[in-house]
């Protein structure tokens, strides 16, 4: 019985460690994704504003 309890303890510890690594990786990926998205939005906003200034009479721009 003690061996089974020991095995369950080790198994639980492995699951906790694996889950912690997955969560940390997911958080890192989410942070990188938000950073890239913010950069792309900024780039496209600049392009859109240039286009809107050039063609102000022909194009309506809304965000």
N, C-alpha and C. Protein backbone atom coordinates (compact mmCIF):
# COMPACT_ATOMS: atom_id res chain seq x y z
N UNK A 1 0.82 -1.19 0.00
CA UNK A 1 0.00 0.00 0.00
C UNK A 1 0.86 1.26 0.00
N UNK A 2 1.97 1.21 0.73
CA UNK A 2 2.86 2.37 0.78
C UNK A 2 3.47 2.64 -0.60
N UNK A 3 3.74 1.57 -1.33
CA UNK A 3 4.30 1.74 -2.68
C UNK A 3 3.29 2.42 -3.60
N UNK A 4 2.02 2.06 -3.45
CA UNK A 4 0.98 2.68 -4.26
C UNK A 4 0.83 4.17 -3.92
N UNK A 5 0.87 4.49 -2.64
CA UNK A 5 0.80 5.89 -2.22
C UNK A 5 1.99 6.68 -2.75
N UNK A 6 3.16 6.07 -2.71
CA UNK A 6 4.37 6.72 -3.23
C UNK A 6 4.26 6.95 -4.74
N UNK A 7 3.75 5.95 -5.44
CA UNK A 7 3.58 6.07 -6.89
C UNK A 7 2.56 7.17 -7.24
N UNK A 8 1.48 7.23 -6.48
CA UNK A 8 0.48 8.27 -6.71
C UNK A 8 1.07 9.66 -6.44
N UNK A 9 1.90 9.79 -5.43
CA UNK A 9 2.55 11.07 -5.13
C UNK A 9 3.48 11.51 -6.24
N UNK A 10 4.27 10.56 -6.76
CA UNK A 10 5.19 10.86 -7.86
C UNK A 10 4.40 11.22 -9.12
N UNK A 11 3.34 10.46 -9.39
CA UNK A 11 2.52 10.75 -10.57
C UNK A 11 1.88 12.13 -10.49
N UNK A 12 1.39 12.47 -9.31
CA UNK A 12 0.77 13.79 -9.13
C UNK A 12 1.81 14.89 -9.33
N UNK A 13 3.01 14.68 -8.80
CA UNK A 13 4.08 15.68 -8.96
C UNK A 13 4.45 15.86 -10.44
N UNK A 14 4.52 14.77 -11.18
CA UNK A 14 4.84 14.87 -12.61
C UNK A 14 3.75 15.63 -13.36
N UNK A 15 2.50 15.37 -13.03
CA UNK A 15 1.39 16.08 -13.68
C UNK A 15 1.45 17.57 -13.37
N UNK A 16 1.72 17.90 -12.12
CA UNK A 16 1.82 19.32 -11.74
C UNK A 16 2.95 20.00 -12.50
N UNK A 17 4.10 19.36 -12.57
CA UNK A 17 5.24 19.96 -13.29
C UNK A 17 4.95 20.12 -14.78
N UNK A 18 4.35 19.12 -15.38
CA UNK A 18 4.03 19.20 -16.81
C UNK A 18 3.01 20.29 -17.08
N UNK A 19 2.01 20.38 -16.24
CA UNK A 19 0.98 21.40 -16.41
C UNK A 19 1.55 22.80 -16.22
N UNK A 20 2.42 22.96 -15.26
CA UNK A 20 3.04 24.26 -15.02
C UNK A 20 3.82 24.70 -16.26
N UNK A 21 4.55 23.79 -16.88
CA UNK A 21 5.30 24.12 -18.09
C UNK A 21 4.39 24.51 -19.24
N UNK A 22 3.28 23.80 -19.39
CA UNK A 22 2.32 24.12 -20.46
C UNK A 22 1.72 25.50 -20.23
N UNK A 23 1.35 25.78 -19.00
CA UNK A 23 0.75 27.08 -18.69
C UNK A 23 1.73 28.23 -18.92
N UNK A 24 2.98 28.03 -18.51
CA UNK A 24 4.00 29.07 -18.73
C UNK A 24 4.21 29.30 -20.22
N UNK A 25 4.26 28.21 -21.01
CA UNK A 25 4.43 28.35 -22.45
C UNK A 25 3.25 29.04 -23.10
N UNK A 26 2.05 28.72 -22.64
CA UNK A 26 0.86 29.35 -23.19
C UNK A 26 0.85 30.84 -22.88
N UNK A 27 1.23 31.20 -21.68
CA UNK A 27 1.28 32.60 -21.30
C UNK A 27 2.30 33.36 -22.14
N UNK A 28 3.47 32.75 -22.36
CA UNK A 28 4.51 33.37 -23.19
C UNK A 28 4.02 33.55 -24.62
N UNK A 29 3.39 32.53 -25.18
CA UNK A 29 2.86 32.63 -26.54
C UNK A 29 1.78 33.71 -26.64
N UNK A 30 0.92 33.80 -25.64
CA UNK A 30 -0.13 34.82 -25.65
C UNK A 30 0.48 36.22 -25.59
N UNK A 31 1.49 36.40 -24.75
CA UNK A 31 2.15 37.71 -24.66
C UNK A 31 2.81 38.09 -25.98
N UNK A 32 3.47 37.14 -26.61
CA UNK A 32 4.11 37.42 -27.90
C UNK A 32 3.07 37.72 -28.96
N UNK A 33 1.96 37.00 -28.94
CA UNK A 33 0.89 37.24 -29.90
C UNK A 33 0.29 38.63 -29.75
N UNK A 34 0.08 39.05 -28.51
CA UNK A 34 -0.46 40.41 -28.28
C UNK A 34 0.52 41.47 -28.76
N UNK A 35 1.80 41.25 -28.53
CA UNK A 35 2.82 42.21 -28.97
C UNK A 35 2.84 42.32 -30.50
N UNK A 36 2.80 41.19 -31.18
CA UNK A 36 2.80 41.20 -32.65
C UNK A 36 1.52 41.84 -33.19
N UNK A 37 0.40 41.53 -32.59
CA UNK A 37 -0.87 42.11 -33.04
C UNK A 37 -0.86 43.62 -32.87
N UNK A 38 -0.38 44.09 -31.74
CA UNK A 38 -0.32 45.54 -31.50
C UNK A 38 0.59 46.22 -32.52
N UNK A 39 1.70 45.58 -32.87
CA UNK A 39 2.61 46.16 -33.86
C UNK A 39 1.97 46.21 -35.24
N UNK A 40 1.25 45.17 -35.61
CA UNK A 40 0.59 45.16 -36.92
C UNK A 40 -0.53 46.20 -36.98
N UNK A 41 -1.28 46.33 -35.90
CA UNK A 41 -2.34 47.34 -35.88
C UNK A 41 -1.73 48.73 -36.03
N UNK A 42 -0.63 48.96 -35.36
CA UNK A 42 0.05 50.25 -35.46
C UNK A 42 0.52 50.51 -36.89
N UNK A 43 1.13 49.50 -37.51
CA UNK A 43 1.61 49.64 -38.89
C UNK A 43 0.46 49.96 -39.84
N UNK A 44 -0.63 49.20 -39.74
CA UNK A 44 -1.75 49.40 -40.65
C UNK A 44 -2.47 50.72 -40.38
N UNK A 45 -2.49 51.17 -39.14
CA UNK A 45 -3.10 52.46 -38.84
C UNK A 45 -2.34 53.59 -39.52
N UNK A 46 -1.02 53.47 -39.52
CA UNK A 46 -0.20 54.48 -40.19
C UNK A 46 -0.45 54.47 -41.70
N UNK A 47 -0.51 53.29 -42.28
CA UNK A 47 -0.76 53.18 -43.73
C UNK A 47 -2.15 53.71 -44.06
N UNK A 48 -3.13 53.37 -43.28
CA UNK A 48 -4.49 53.82 -43.52
C UNK A 48 -4.59 55.33 -43.44
N UNK A 49 -3.91 55.92 -42.47
CA UNK A 49 -3.99 57.38 -42.34
C UNK A 49 -3.35 58.06 -43.56
N UNK A 50 -2.27 57.50 -44.09
CA UNK A 50 -1.65 58.08 -45.29
C UNK A 50 -2.59 57.96 -46.48
N UNK A 51 -3.23 56.83 -46.63
CA UNK A 51 -4.16 56.61 -47.73
C UNK A 51 -5.37 57.54 -47.61
N UNK A 52 -5.85 57.70 -46.40
CA UNK A 52 -7.02 58.54 -46.17
C UNK A 52 -6.71 60.01 -46.49
N UNK A 53 -5.52 60.46 -46.16
CA UNK A 53 -5.14 61.84 -46.46
C UNK A 53 -5.06 62.06 -47.96
N UNK A 54 -4.51 61.10 -48.68
CA UNK A 54 -4.35 61.23 -50.12
C UNK A 54 -5.70 61.24 -50.84
N UNK A 55 -6.61 60.41 -50.40
CA UNK A 55 -7.88 60.23 -51.08
C UNK A 55 -9.07 60.66 -50.22
N UNK A 56 -8.91 61.75 -49.52
CA UNK A 56 -9.93 62.18 -48.57
C UNK A 56 -11.27 62.43 -49.25
N UNK A 57 -11.25 62.85 -50.49
CA UNK A 57 -12.50 63.14 -51.18
C UNK A 57 -13.21 61.88 -51.65
N UNK A 58 -12.46 60.84 -51.98
CA UNK A 58 -13.04 59.63 -52.57
C UNK A 58 -13.36 58.53 -51.56
N UNK A 59 -12.73 58.55 -50.40
CA UNK A 59 -12.83 57.42 -49.49
C UNK A 59 -13.27 57.87 -48.10
N UNK A 60 -14.20 57.14 -47.54
CA UNK A 60 -14.56 57.37 -46.14
C UNK A 60 -13.81 56.36 -45.30
N UNK A 61 -13.20 56.82 -44.23
CA UNK A 61 -12.41 55.96 -43.38
C UNK A 61 -13.05 55.93 -42.00
N UNK A 62 -13.23 54.72 -41.49
CA UNK A 62 -13.73 54.60 -40.12
C UNK A 62 -12.96 53.51 -39.41
N UNK A 63 -12.80 53.68 -38.12
CA UNK A 63 -12.04 52.67 -37.35
C UNK A 63 -12.99 51.79 -36.60
